[in-house]
């Protein structure tokens, strides 16, 4: 595996370690692919930034892995917001009838 000009050193090292393949799907990275660095053990579960805990993934593979990590580990996403439903009005307007019959006033 050769060098990767114009590629940051950390990414270049990971590419070399992974033989140019995505750690999730196993496909080779191609020009134009969006590549992201992933924590093998998520930081929220005690993982760190050490080289041995990092891997390169395609962006879509990273999205899949991150979603699976959250489901499997119950990781709370701080960006996730649950919108509370609006308070429902329990009563309805009451129509008063006129004294002369069933017609509303």
Protein backbone atom coordinates (compact mmCIF):
# COMPACT_ATOMS: atom_id res chain seq x y z
CA UNK A 1 0.00 0.00 0.00
CA UNK A 2 1.52 3.31 -1.02
CA UNK A 3 1.42 6.75 0.49
CA UNK A 4 -1.61 9.00 0.41
CA UNK A 5 -0.61 12.52 -0.64
CA UNK A 6 -2.82 15.37 0.60
CA UNK A 7 -4.31 13.03 3.21
CA UNK A 8 -3.91 13.81 6.92
CA UNK A 9 -1.34 11.58 8.62
CA UNK A 10 -3.84 9.90 10.97
CA UNK A 11 -6.18 8.95 8.14
CA UNK A 12 -3.23 7.77 6.06
CA UNK A 13 -2.11 5.46 8.90
CA UNK A 14 -5.62 4.04 9.27
CA UNK A 15 -5.91 3.50 5.50
CA UNK A 16 -2.65 1.60 5.55
CA UNK A 17 -3.67 -0.51 8.57
CA UNK A 18 -7.02 -1.36 6.94
CA UNK A 19 -5.48 -2.04 3.51
CA UNK A 20 -7.63 0.71 1.99
CA UNK A 21 -10.91 -0.96 3.01
CA UNK A 22 -13.87 0.16 5.11
CA UNK A 23 -13.86 -1.65 8.45
CA UNK A 24 -17.67 -2.01 8.33
CA UNK A 25 -18.51 -3.20 4.80
CA UNK A 26 -15.07 -4.37 3.65
CA UNK A 27 -15.22 -2.47 0.35
CA UNK A 28 -12.25 -0.46 -0.89
CA UNK A 29 -12.38 3.30 -0.46
CA UNK A 30 -12.55 5.07 -3.84
CA UNK A 31 -11.84 8.64 -4.87
CA UNK A 32 -14.85 10.72 -3.95
CA UNK A 33 -15.96 8.49 -1.07
CA UNK A 34 -16.69 10.36 2.13
CA UNK A 35 -14.57 8.71 4.81
CA UNK A 36 -15.06 9.21 8.55
CA UNK A 37 -13.05 8.19 11.59
CA UNK A 38 -15.03 6.03 14.02
CA UNK A 39 -14.37 4.99 17.60
CA UNK A 40 -14.54 1.19 17.75
CA UNK A 41 -15.61 1.45 21.40
CA UNK A 42 -17.71 4.64 21.54
CA UNK A 43 -16.41 7.38 23.81
CA UNK A 44 -19.76 7.35 25.60
CA UNK A 45 -19.06 3.73 26.60
CA UNK A 46 -15.53 4.39 27.83
CA UNK A 47 -13.65 4.37 24.52
CA UNK A 48 -10.73 6.71 23.94
CA UNK A 49 -8.97 8.47 21.07
CA UNK A 50 -6.08 6.01 20.88
CA UNK A 51 -5.05 4.81 17.44
CA UNK A 52 -6.04 1.23 18.35
CA UNK A 53 -9.63 2.37 19.05
CA UNK A 54 -10.06 4.18 15.72
CA UNK A 55 -11.16 2.89 12.33
CA UNK A 56 -12.13 4.38 8.98
CA UNK A 57 -15.64 3.91 7.64
CA UNK A 58 -17.65 5.18 4.69
CA UNK A 59 -20.02 7.90 5.91
CA UNK A 60 -23.09 5.72 5.34
CA UNK A 61 -21.41 2.79 7.12
CA UNK A 62 -20.56 5.11 10.02
CA UNK A 63 -24.23 6.17 10.24
CA UNK A 64 -25.31 2.51 10.34
CA UNK A 65 -22.73 1.57 12.98
CA UNK A 66 -23.53 4.59 15.15
CA UNK A 67 -27.26 3.80 15.05
CA UNK A 68 -26.56 0.17 15.98
CA UNK A 69 -24.27 1.28 18.84
CA UNK A 70 -27.04 3.46 20.24
CA UNK A 71 -29.64 0.70 20.06
CA UNK A 72 -27.35 -1.98 21.50
CA UNK A 73 -25.92 0.13 24.28
CA UNK A 74 -28.75 2.48 25.07
CA UNK A 75 -26.54 5.47 24.40
CA UNK A 76 -28.41 8.74 24.81
CA UNK A 77 -27.91 11.17 21.97
CA UNK A 78 -27.78 14.66 23.46
CA UNK A 79 -28.88 16.16 20.13
CA UNK A 80 -32.07 14.11 20.18
CA UNK A 81 -35.06 16.11 21.33
CA UNK A 82 -38.46 14.68 22.19
CA UNK A 83 -41.20 17.15 21.49
CA UNK A 84 -43.96 17.09 24.05
CA UNK A 85 -47.48 17.12 22.61
CA UNK A 86 -49.48 20.29 22.99
CA UNK A 87 -51.91 20.36 25.86
CA UNK A 88 -55.29 19.29 24.57
CA UNK A 89 -58.27 21.33 25.54
CA UNK A 90 -60.54 18.90 27.37
CA UNK A 91 -63.70 20.95 27.05
CA UNK A 92 -65.54 22.23 24.04
CA UNK A 93 -67.49 25.44 23.70
CA UNK A 94 -71.04 25.01 24.88
CA UNK A 95 -73.74 26.44 22.69
CA UNK A 96 -76.61 27.95 24.62
CA UNK A 97 -80.04 27.46 23.20
CA UNK A 98 -82.51 30.27 22.97
CA UNK A 99 -85.49 30.21 25.29
CA UNK A 100 -87.84 29.73 22.42
CA UNK A 101 -86.51 26.48 21.06
CA UNK A 102 -83.50 24.49 20.03
CA UNK A 103 -81.84 27.24 18.02
CA UNK A 104 -78.47 28.54 19.22
CA UNK A 105 -78.51 32.06 20.57
